């Protein structure tokens, strides 16, 4: 009878060790995976918002040129309209965005933007810095006082031409 109880105690200890091993090893891996997915989701949302803001500013300023093959834009007017639209679209979820680089290409094509991409059509090169909240697992790390992380989003958007 005593041998049977000792064998069951050993099995319970092994079971507890296996459960602790799963909790200590697998949960951080899953948390890291979820963090990566959340960061990619934020990046995609910001890039889509930039594209929508560029298209909206273009359509607001150039309604008569939707079907022209040559796009001529006033860079200052476009920049003013685009900045207002981008900040309005991102301000609710990402307060404190910064537009680090902005280049409008409509003349002298093909042109190379500051990040090395070639523009064969008229378009806009944008580099935006956005503060993004950390996920819960990152906020639990000791000595992590910052609750925001700045991510940089580079986007090159071409103006759509209907030829």
N, C-alpha and C. Protein backbone atom coordinates (compact mmCIF):
# COMPACT_ATOMS: atom_id res chain seq x y z
N UNK A 1 0.81 -1.19 0.00
CA UNK A 1 0.00 0.00 0.00
C UNK A 1 0.86 1.26 0.00
N UNK A 2 1.93 1.25 0.76
CA UNK A 2 2.79 2.42 0.83
C UNK A 2 3.50 2.68 -0.50
N UNK A 3 3.91 1.64 -1.20
CA UNK A 3 4.57 1.83 -2.49
C UNK A 3 3.64 2.50 -3.49
N UNK A 4 2.38 2.17 -3.46
CA UNK A 4 1.40 2.77 -4.37
C UNK A 4 1.22 4.26 -4.12
N UNK A 5 1.22 4.69 -2.86
CA UNK A 5 1.07 6.11 -2.54
C UNK A 5 2.30 6.90 -2.98
N UNK A 6 3.47 6.34 -2.79
CA UNK A 6 4.68 7.02 -3.21
C UNK A 6 4.72 7.18 -4.72
N UNK A 7 4.28 6.21 -5.46
CA UNK A 7 4.26 6.28 -6.92
C UNK A 7 3.29 7.36 -7.37
N UNK A 8 2.13 7.49 -6.70
CA UNK A 8 1.15 8.53 -7.07
C UNK A 8 1.69 9.92 -6.75
N UNK A 9 2.41 10.08 -5.67
CA UNK A 9 3.00 11.38 -5.33
C UNK A 9 4.03 11.78 -6.37
N UNK A 10 4.80 10.86 -6.85
CA UNK A 10 5.78 11.15 -7.89
C UNK A 10 5.12 11.56 -9.19
N UNK A 11 4.02 10.92 -9.54
CA UNK A 11 3.29 11.27 -10.76
C UNK A 11 2.67 12.65 -10.64
N UNK A 12 2.17 12.99 -9.46
CA UNK A 12 1.59 14.32 -9.25
C UNK A 12 2.67 15.40 -9.36
N UNK A 13 3.85 15.13 -8.81
CA UNK A 13 4.95 16.09 -8.90
C UNK A 13 5.38 16.29 -10.34
N UNK A 14 5.44 15.21 -11.10
CA UNK A 14 5.81 15.32 -12.52
C UNK A 14 4.74 16.10 -13.27
N UNK A 15 3.48 15.85 -12.96
CA UNK A 15 2.39 16.57 -13.60
C UNK A 15 2.46 18.07 -13.30
N UNK A 16 2.74 18.41 -12.07
CA UNK A 16 2.88 19.82 -11.68
C UNK A 16 4.06 20.46 -12.41
N UNK A 17 5.18 19.76 -12.50
CA UNK A 17 6.34 20.28 -13.23
C UNK A 17 6.04 20.50 -14.71
N UNK A 18 5.32 19.57 -15.31
CA UNK A 18 4.95 19.71 -16.73
C UNK A 18 4.04 20.91 -16.92
N UNK A 19 3.08 21.09 -16.03
CA UNK A 19 2.17 22.24 -16.12
C UNK A 19 2.94 23.55 -15.96
N UNK A 20 3.84 23.62 -14.99
CA UNK A 20 4.66 24.82 -14.80
C UNK A 20 5.55 25.08 -16.01
N UNK A 21 6.10 24.03 -16.59
CA UNK A 21 6.92 24.18 -17.78
C UNK A 21 6.11 24.75 -18.94
N UNK A 22 4.90 24.26 -19.10
CA UNK A 22 4.03 24.77 -20.17
C UNK A 22 3.70 26.24 -19.93
N UNK A 23 3.37 26.58 -18.71
CA UNK A 23 3.02 27.97 -18.38
C UNK A 23 4.22 28.89 -18.57
N UNK A 24 5.39 28.46 -18.13
CA UNK A 24 6.57 29.32 -18.19
C UNK A 24 7.17 29.43 -19.59
N UNK A 25 6.99 28.44 -20.42
CA UNK A 25 7.60 28.48 -21.75
C UNK A 25 6.62 28.84 -22.85
N UNK A 26 5.44 28.28 -22.84
CA UNK A 26 4.52 28.49 -23.95
C UNK A 26 3.77 29.82 -23.87
N UNK A 27 3.39 30.26 -22.69
CA UNK A 27 2.66 31.51 -22.58
C UNK A 27 3.47 32.72 -23.08
N UNK A 28 4.76 32.85 -22.74
CA UNK A 28 5.52 33.96 -23.30
C UNK A 28 5.64 33.90 -24.83
N UNK A 29 5.74 32.70 -25.38
CA UNK A 29 5.81 32.57 -26.84
C UNK A 29 4.50 33.04 -27.47
N UNK A 30 3.37 32.64 -26.89
CA UNK A 30 2.09 33.09 -27.41
C UNK A 30 1.92 34.60 -27.24
N UNK A 31 2.36 35.14 -26.11
CA UNK A 31 2.26 36.58 -25.88
C UNK A 31 3.09 37.35 -26.90
N UNK A 32 4.30 36.85 -27.19
CA UNK A 32 5.14 37.51 -28.19
C UNK A 32 4.49 37.44 -29.57
N UNK A 33 3.89 36.31 -29.91
CA UNK A 33 3.22 36.17 -31.21
C UNK A 33 2.05 37.12 -31.32
N UNK A 34 1.28 37.26 -30.28
CA UNK A 34 0.14 38.17 -30.30
C UNK A 34 0.63 39.62 -30.38
N UNK A 35 1.72 39.95 -29.70
CA UNK A 35 2.30 41.30 -29.80
C UNK A 35 2.71 41.61 -31.23
N UNK A 36 3.34 40.65 -31.89
CA UNK A 36 3.77 40.86 -33.27
C UNK A 36 2.58 41.07 -34.19
N UNK A 37 1.51 40.30 -33.99
CA UNK A 37 0.31 40.47 -34.80
C UNK A 37 -0.34 41.83 -34.55
N UNK A 38 -0.35 42.28 -33.30
CA UNK A 38 -0.93 43.58 -32.98
C UNK A 38 -0.10 44.71 -33.61
N UNK A 39 1.22 44.58 -33.57
CA UNK A 39 2.08 45.60 -34.19
C UNK A 39 1.89 45.65 -35.70
N UNK A 40 1.78 44.49 -36.33
CA UNK A 40 1.55 44.45 -37.78
C UNK A 40 0.19 45.03 -38.13
N UNK A 41 -0.81 44.78 -37.29
CA UNK A 41 -2.14 45.34 -37.51
C UNK A 41 -2.11 46.86 -37.43
N UNK A 42 -1.41 47.41 -36.43
CA UNK A 42 -1.26 48.87 -36.32
C UNK A 42 -0.56 49.45 -37.54
N UNK A 43 0.51 48.81 -37.97
CA UNK A 43 1.26 49.27 -39.13
C UNK A 43 0.38 49.29 -40.38
N UNK A 44 -0.39 48.23 -40.59
CA UNK A 44 -1.26 48.16 -41.76
C UNK A 44 -2.36 49.22 -41.71
N UNK A 45 -2.93 49.44 -40.52
CA UNK A 45 -3.97 50.47 -40.40
C UNK A 45 -3.43 51.85 -40.71
N UNK A 46 -2.23 52.15 -40.24
CA UNK A 46 -1.63 53.46 -40.48
C UNK A 46 -1.32 53.63 -41.97
N UNK A 47 -0.78 52.59 -42.60
CA UNK A 47 -0.46 52.67 -44.02
C UNK A 47 -1.73 52.83 -44.86
N UNK A 48 -2.80 52.14 -44.51
CA UNK A 48 -4.06 52.31 -45.23
C UNK A 48 -4.62 53.71 -45.04
N UNK A 49 -4.50 54.25 -43.84
CA UNK A 49 -4.99 55.61 -43.59
C UNK A 49 -4.20 56.63 -44.39
N UNK A 50 -2.89 56.42 -44.53
CA UNK A 50 -2.08 57.33 -45.35
C UNK A 50 -2.54 57.28 -46.80
N UNK A 51 -2.75 56.09 -47.33
CA UNK A 51 -3.20 55.94 -48.72
C UNK A 51 -4.56 56.61 -48.93
N UNK A 52 -5.47 56.41 -48.01
CA UNK A 52 -6.80 57.01 -48.13
C UNK A 52 -6.71 58.53 -48.04
N UNK A 53 -5.86 59.05 -47.17
CA UNK A 53 -5.72 60.50 -47.03
C UNK A 53 -5.11 61.12 -48.29
N UNK A 54 -4.12 60.46 -48.88
CA UNK A 54 -3.52 60.97 -50.12
C UNK A 54 -4.56 61.00 -51.23
N UNK A 55 -5.30 59.91 -51.39
CA UNK A 55 -6.33 59.84 -52.43
C UNK A 55 -7.42 60.88 -52.19
N UNK A 56 -7.83 61.08 -50.96
CA UNK A 56 -8.86 62.06 -50.65
C UNK A 56 -8.39 63.48 -50.94
N UNK A 57 -7.16 63.80 -50.57
CA UNK A 57 -6.63 65.13 -50.84
C UNK A 57 -6.51 65.37 -52.34
N UNK A 58 -6.07 64.35 -53.07
CA UNK A 58 -5.96 64.46 -54.53
C UNK A 58 -7.32 64.68 -55.17
N UNK A 59 -8.30 63.91 -54.73
CA UNK A 59 -9.64 64.05 -55.31
C UNK A 59 -10.29 65.37 -54.93
N UNK A 60 -9.98 65.89 -53.74
CA UNK A 60 -10.56 67.17 -53.31
C UNK A 60 -9.97 68.35 -54.09
N UNK A 61 -8.71 68.23 -54.49
CA UNK A 61 -8.05 69.36 -55.15
C UNK A 61 -8.07 69.29 -56.67
N UNK A 62 -8.18 68.10 -57.23
CA UNK A 62 -8.01 67.95 -58.68
C UNK A 62 -9.19 67.23 -59.35
N UNK A 63 -10.43 67.65 -59.16
CA UNK A 63 -11.54 66.88 -59.75
C UNK A 63 -11.55 66.90 -61.27
N UNK A 64 -11.04 67.95 -61.87
CA UNK A 64 -11.08 68.03 -63.33
C UNK A 64 -9.98 67.20 -63.99
N UNK A 65 -9.01 66.73 -63.21
CA UNK A 65 -7.88 66.02 -63.80
C UNK A 65 -7.89 64.53 -63.54
N UNK A 66 -9.00 63.94 -63.15
CA UNK A 66 -9.03 62.50 -62.88
C UNK A 66 -8.64 61.66 -64.08
N UNK A 67 -8.94 62.12 -65.26
CA UNK A 67 -8.68 61.32 -66.46
C UNK A 67 -7.50 61.83 -67.26
N UNK A 68 -6.83 62.87 -66.80
CA UNK A 68 -5.66 63.37 -67.53
C UNK A 68 -4.45 62.48 -67.27
N UNK A 69 -3.60 62.39 -68.27
CA UNK A 69 -2.39 61.57 -68.14
C UNK A 69 -1.29 62.32 -67.41
N UNK A 70 -1.37 63.64 -67.34
CA UNK A 70 -0.35 64.45 -66.68
C UNK A 70 -0.97 65.11 -65.45
N UNK A 71 -0.37 64.89 -64.32
CA UNK A 71 -0.88 65.47 -63.08
C UNK A 71 0.01 66.63 -62.68
N UNK A 72 -0.58 67.79 -62.51
CA UNK A 72 0.15 68.97 -62.02
C UNK A 72 -0.50 69.38 -60.71
N UNK A 73 0.29 69.45 -59.67
CA UNK A 73 -0.23 69.79 -58.35
C UNK A 73 0.53 70.97 -57.77
N UNK A 74 -0.18 71.78 -57.02
CA UNK A 74 0.46 72.80 -56.20
C UNK A 74 0.90 72.10 -54.91
N UNK A 75 2.20 71.90 -54.71
CA UNK A 75 2.66 71.12 -53.55
C UNK A 75 2.22 71.69 -52.21
N UNK A 76 2.21 73.02 -52.08
CA UNK A 76 1.83 73.62 -50.80
C UNK A 76 0.35 73.38 -50.49
N UNK A 77 -0.50 73.56 -51.49
CA UNK A 77 -1.93 73.36 -51.29
C UNK A 77 -2.24 71.88 -51.01
N UNK A 78 -1.59 71.00 -51.77
CA UNK A 78 -1.80 69.56 -51.54
C UNK A 78 -1.30 69.15 -50.16
N UNK A 79 -0.13 69.64 -49.77
CA UNK A 79 0.44 69.31 -48.47
C UNK A 79 -0.47 69.77 -47.33
N UNK A 80 -1.01 70.97 -47.45
CA UNK A 80 -1.92 71.50 -46.43
C UNK A 80 -3.17 70.63 -46.30
N UNK A 81 -3.77 70.28 -47.43
CA UNK A 81 -4.98 69.46 -47.43
C UNK A 81 -4.68 68.05 -46.91
N UNK A 82 -3.58 67.47 -47.37
CA UNK A 82 -3.22 66.11 -46.95
C UNK A 82 -2.93 66.04 -45.45
N UNK A 83 -2.14 67.00 -44.94
CA UNK A 83 -1.81 67.00 -43.51
C UNK A 83 -3.07 67.09 -42.65
N UNK A 84 -4.00 67.95 -43.07
CA UNK A 84 -5.24 68.09 -42.30
C UNK A 84 -6.04 66.78 -42.32
N UNK A 85 -6.13 66.13 -43.47
CA UNK A 85 -6.87 64.87 -43.57
C UNK A 85 -6.19 63.75 -42.78
N UNK A 86 -4.87 63.66 -42.89
CA UNK A 86 -4.15 62.58 -42.19
C UNK A 86 -4.26 62.73 -40.69
N UNK A 87 -4.06 63.92 -40.20
CA UNK A 87 -4.15 64.15 -38.75
C UNK A 87 -5.57 63.91 -38.26
N UNK A 88 -6.57 64.33 -39.04
CA UNK A 88 -7.96 64.09 -38.65
C UNK A 88 -8.27 62.60 -38.62
N UNK A 89 -7.71 61.84 -39.55
CA UNK A 89 -7.99 60.40 -39.61
C UNK A 89 -7.25 59.61 -38.53
N UNK A 90 -6.09 60.05 -38.13
CA UNK A 90 -5.28 59.29 -37.17
C UNK A 90 -5.33 59.83 -35.74
N UNK A 91 -5.83 61.04 -35.56
CA UNK A 91 -5.72 61.70 -34.25
C UNK A 91 -6.49 60.98 -33.15
N UNK A 92 -7.60 60.35 -33.47
CA UNK A 92 -8.40 59.71 -32.42
C UNK A 92 -7.67 58.50 -31.83
N UNK A 93 -7.15 57.66 -32.68
CA UNK A 93 -6.52 56.44 -32.20
C UNK A 93 -5.03 56.61 -31.88
N UNK A 94 -4.37 57.51 -32.60
CA UNK A 94 -2.93 57.72 -32.42
C UNK A 94 -2.66 59.20 -32.22
N UNK A 95 -2.89 59.75 -31.02
CA UNK A 95 -2.64 61.18 -30.81
C UNK A 95 -1.15 61.48 -30.83
N UNK A 96 -0.78 62.61 -31.38
CA UNK A 96 0.61 63.04 -31.39
C UNK A 96 1.42 62.55 -32.57
N UNK A 97 0.79 62.34 -33.74
CA UNK A 97 1.55 61.87 -34.90
C UNK A 97 2.44 62.98 -35.43
N UNK A 98 3.52 62.60 -36.08
CA UNK A 98 4.45 63.54 -36.69
C UNK A 98 4.69 63.13 -38.13
N UNK A 99 4.60 64.08 -39.04
CA UNK A 99 4.93 63.81 -40.44
C UNK A 99 6.39 64.20 -40.60
N UNK A 100 7.25 63.19 -40.69
CA UNK A 100 8.70 63.41 -40.73
C UNK A 100 9.18 63.81 -42.13
N UNK A 101 8.67 63.16 -43.16
CA UNK A 101 9.06 63.45 -44.54
C UNK A 101 7.82 63.47 -45.41
N UNK A 102 7.82 64.40 -46.36
CA UNK A 102 6.74 64.47 -47.32
C UNK A 102 7.29 65.06 -48.62
N UNK A 103 7.18 64.28 -49.68
CA UNK A 103 7.61 64.73 -51.00
C UNK A 103 6.49 64.47 -51.99
N UNK A 104 6.20 65.47 -52.81
CA UNK A 104 5.17 65.32 -53.83
C UNK A 104 5.87 65.32 -55.18
N UNK A 105 5.64 64.27 -55.95
CA UNK A 105 6.26 64.13 -57.26
C UNK A 105 5.20 64.22 -58.34
N UNK A 106 5.30 65.28 -59.16
CA UNK A 106 4.40 65.37 -60.31
C UNK A 106 5.15 65.85 -61.55
N UNK A 107 6.35 66.35 -61.37
CA UNK A 107 7.16 66.85 -62.49
C UNK A 107 8.47 66.07 -62.57
N UNK A 108 9.04 66.01 -63.77
CA UNK A 108 10.37 65.42 -63.95
C UNK A 108 10.45 63.95 -63.63
N UNK A 109 9.43 63.20 -63.96
CA UNK A 109 9.41 61.77 -63.67
C UNK A 109 10.25 61.01 -64.68
N UNK A 110 10.86 59.92 -64.37
CA UNK A 110 10.90 59.21 -63.10
C UNK A 110 11.82 59.87 -62.08
N UNK A 111 11.46 59.73 -60.81
CA UNK A 111 12.16 60.35 -59.69
C UNK A 111 12.35 59.28 -58.62
N UNK A 112 13.41 59.42 -57.83
CA UNK A 112 13.67 58.50 -56.73
C UNK A 112 13.38 59.23 -55.42
N UNK A 113 12.58 58.61 -54.55
CA UNK A 113 12.26 59.23 -53.26
C UNK A 113 13.44 59.07 -52.30
N UNK A 114 13.31 59.66 -51.14
CA UNK A 114 14.40 59.64 -50.15
C UNK A 114 14.73 58.25 -49.64
N UNK A 115 13.78 57.32 -49.73
CA UNK A 115 14.00 55.94 -49.27
C UNK A 115 14.41 55.00 -50.40
N UNK A 116 14.58 55.53 -51.62
CA UNK A 116 15.10 54.72 -52.71
C UNK A 116 14.08 54.13 -53.67
N UNK A 117 12.80 54.38 -53.47
CA UNK A 117 11.78 53.86 -54.39
C UNK A 117 11.65 54.78 -55.60
N UNK A 118 11.43 54.18 -56.76
CA UNK A 118 11.34 54.94 -58.00
C UNK A 118 9.88 55.27 -58.30
N UNK A 119 9.62 56.52 -58.62
CA UNK A 119 8.29 56.99 -59.02
C UNK A 119 8.29 57.17 -60.54
N UNK A 120 7.53 56.34 -61.24
CA UNK A 120 7.35 56.51 -62.68
C UNK A 120 6.08 57.30 -62.98
N UNK A 121 5.19 57.37 -62.01
CA UNK A 121 3.95 58.14 -62.11
C UNK A 121 3.93 59.17 -60.99
N UNK A 122 3.05 60.14 -61.09
CA UNK A 122 2.93 61.14 -60.05
C UNK A 122 2.48 60.48 -58.75
N UNK A 123 3.02 60.96 -57.64
CA UNK A 123 2.68 60.37 -56.36
C UNK A 123 3.26 61.14 -55.20
N UNK A 124 3.12 60.57 -54.02
CA UNK A 124 3.56 61.20 -52.79
C UNK A 124 4.37 60.20 -51.98
N UNK A 125 5.48 60.67 -51.45
CA UNK A 125 6.31 59.89 -50.52
C UNK A 125 6.07 60.46 -49.13
N UNK A 126 5.69 59.60 -48.19
CA UNK A 126 5.36 60.02 -46.83
C UNK A 126 6.11 59.15 -45.83
N UNK A 127 6.62 59.79 -44.80
CA UNK A 127 7.21 59.09 -43.66
C UNK A 127 6.56 59.67 -42.41
N UNK A 128 5.82 58.84 -41.68
CA UNK A 128 5.06 59.29 -40.52
C UNK A 128 5.56 58.56 -39.29
N UNK A 129 5.72 59.31 -38.19
CA UNK A 129 6.07 58.71 -36.90
C UNK A 129 4.82 58.77 -36.02
N UNK A 130 4.45 57.59 -35.51
CA UNK A 130 3.20 57.46 -34.77
C UNK A 130 3.46 56.81 -33.42
N UNK A 131 2.92 57.40 -32.33
CA UNK A 131 3.03 56.73 -31.04
C UNK A 131 1.96 55.65 -30.91
N UNK A 132 2.39 54.44 -30.61
CA UNK A 132 1.47 53.30 -30.50
C UNK A 132 1.58 52.75 -29.08
N UNK A 133 0.43 52.47 -28.49
CA UNK A 133 0.42 51.90 -27.13
C UNK A 133 1.03 50.50 -27.14
N UNK A 134 1.74 50.23 -26.06
CA UNK A 134 2.25 48.88 -25.87
C UNK A 134 1.10 47.93 -25.57
N UNK A 135 1.29 46.69 -25.90
CA UNK A 135 0.30 45.70 -25.53
C UNK A 135 0.47 45.36 -24.06
N UNK A 136 -0.45 44.60 -23.55
CA UNK A 136 -0.47 44.30 -22.11
C UNK A 136 0.80 43.55 -21.68
N UNK A 137 1.26 42.61 -22.48
CA UNK A 137 2.43 41.84 -22.07
C UNK A 137 3.68 42.70 -21.97
N UNK A 138 3.81 43.71 -22.82
CA UNK A 138 4.97 44.59 -22.74
C UNK A 138 4.88 45.52 -21.54
N UNK A 139 3.67 45.90 -21.16
CA UNK A 139 3.52 46.79 -20.01
C UNK A 139 3.81 46.06 -18.70
N UNK A 140 3.77 44.73 -18.70
CA UNK A 140 4.04 43.96 -17.49
C UNK A 140 5.53 43.77 -17.23
N UNK A 141 6.37 44.08 -18.22
CA UNK A 141 7.82 43.93 -18.04
C UNK A 141 8.31 44.97 -17.03
N UNK A 142 9.06 44.55 -16.03
CA UNK A 142 9.56 45.51 -15.04
C UNK A 142 10.45 46.58 -15.69
N UNK A 143 10.43 47.74 -15.12
CA UNK A 143 11.24 48.89 -15.57
C UNK A 143 10.84 49.38 -16.95
N UNK A 144 9.64 49.07 -17.40
CA UNK A 144 9.15 49.59 -18.67
C UNK A 144 8.20 50.73 -18.36
N UNK A 145 8.75 51.93 -18.21
CA UNK A 145 7.97 53.09 -17.80
C UNK A 145 7.19 53.69 -18.96
N UNK A 146 7.70 53.57 -20.17
CA UNK A 146 7.01 54.15 -21.32
C UNK A 146 5.82 53.28 -21.70
N UNK A 147 4.71 53.93 -21.95
CA UNK A 147 3.53 53.19 -22.37
C UNK A 147 3.30 53.35 -23.87
N UNK A 148 4.14 54.13 -24.53
CA UNK A 148 4.03 54.32 -25.97
C UNK A 148 5.35 53.95 -26.63
N UNK A 149 5.24 53.45 -27.82
CA UNK A 149 6.42 53.15 -28.63
C UNK A 149 6.22 53.87 -29.97
N UNK A 150 7.23 54.56 -30.43
CA UNK A 150 7.12 55.28 -31.70
C UNK A 150 7.47 54.33 -32.83
N UNK A 151 6.56 54.19 -33.78
CA UNK A 151 6.86 53.41 -34.98
C UNK A 151 6.90 54.36 -36.16
N UNK A 152 7.73 54.02 -37.13
CA UNK A 152 7.88 54.82 -38.33
C UNK A 152 7.26 54.06 -39.49
N UNK A 153 6.37 54.73 -40.21
CA UNK A 153 5.67 54.12 -41.33
C UNK A 153 6.05 54.87 -42.60
N UNK A 154 6.61 54.16 -43.55
CA UNK A 154 6.98 54.72 -44.85
C UNK A 154 5.94 54.28 -45.86
N UNK A 155 5.43 55.23 -46.62
CA UNK A 155 4.41 54.90 -47.62
C UNK A 155 4.64 55.74 -48.87
N UNK A 156 4.64 55.08 -50.00
CA UNK A 156 4.68 55.75 -51.30
C UNK A 156 3.37 55.47 -52.00
N UNK A 157 2.62 56.53 -52.29
CA UNK A 157 1.30 56.40 -52.89
C UNK A 157 1.30 57.07 -54.25
N UNK A 158 0.89 56.32 -55.27
CA UNK A 158 0.79 56.87 -56.61
C UNK A 158 -0.62 57.39 -56.84
N UNK A 159 -0.71 58.48 -57.60
CA UNK A 159 -2.03 59.00 -57.95
C UNK A 159 -2.64 58.13 -59.03
N UNK A 160 -3.88 57.78 -58.86
CA UNK A 160 -4.54 56.92 -59.83
C UNK A 160 -4.95 57.74 -61.04
N UNK A 161 -4.62 57.24 -62.20
CA UNK A 161 -4.99 57.87 -63.45
C UNK A 161 -5.86 56.92 -64.25
N UNK A 162 -6.96 57.40 -64.75
CA UNK A 162 -7.88 56.58 -65.51
C UNK A 162 -7.68 56.85 -66.98
N UNK A 163 -6.77 56.09 -67.61
CA UNK A 163 -6.48 56.33 -69.03
C UNK A 163 -7.34 55.46 -69.87
